[in-house]
């Protein structure tokens, strides 16, 4: 059964951020703790197939918005700790089935596809929001080779998202069209424009820099666990196991050598590709290194 206490030590944790920014890596580490249940991407229609024709990735809902009834039901189900068969199968083959099925007193819901719902989730479920950030070149080097959908209209067709956050950046979005590296950078930038605007009034959100986590994972995760009210011993053991990963070729794997992850893009991208990413980020008025108050570092 899910916990009913809403104090800080029992609040659900919503782990999010731009995709390919370390949410899976961090989620599987934090879920190693006793009494923690881990839900993987309940708003991602890949793992919740009934959402496929009704709800898209990166849908935007602010705290004051009313969400569709079907989405409210899915969110309530997730924050009660319930999972689809697809999610449970994933937990089995990724090796965290215990964290998916055993009784729990703390819940981690991890979903970067719902990053633009963080404001709504924070209010609706009294959730502690944890956002991972990653250098935009690292983000781009990860998603472009996977041939992810880099469609920019999925953002600009959301009228309220444009009204609340993106209107000043429409020229930059238009300039990014047609080049996959610029489009990836524009997606990174749009997500972070929203997050930075929301952080102005969300002082309790915790921001974790992926590169900092990878450079000093045990200390950083220990500090994060203390802020979240989690015991750090089991997560630190998980870190040591992942740090000696076999470098397997699974493109979705979190089991990669930790020290190699932060700046692998420097050997993957050409200078022209790096320039395309950084120029687009600058076009949004952003820095590739986001310095946030509330960081776990």
Foldseek 3Di string as FASTA:
>chain_A
DEDPDLDLLQAAEEEAAAPPQCLVLLQVLQLLFPQEAEFEALVPCVFVVVCVVPDFFPDADAQPDDDDPVVVVSVVCVNSLHGDPSRLVVCVVQPNNCNNDPHHRYYYYYHHSCLNCVNNCCPVRVHAYEYEAAQLLLQLLLVVVVVDPLDPVVQVVNVVLCVVFNVVPVVLCVVQPPDSLLSSLVVNQSSVRSVVVVCVPCVRHEYEYLLVCLVPVLVLVCLVCVSSNTDNPSSSVVLVQLLPAPCDPPSPDSSHNSNCRRVVSVVVDDPVSVCSNQVSNVSSVHHSDDDDNNYSD
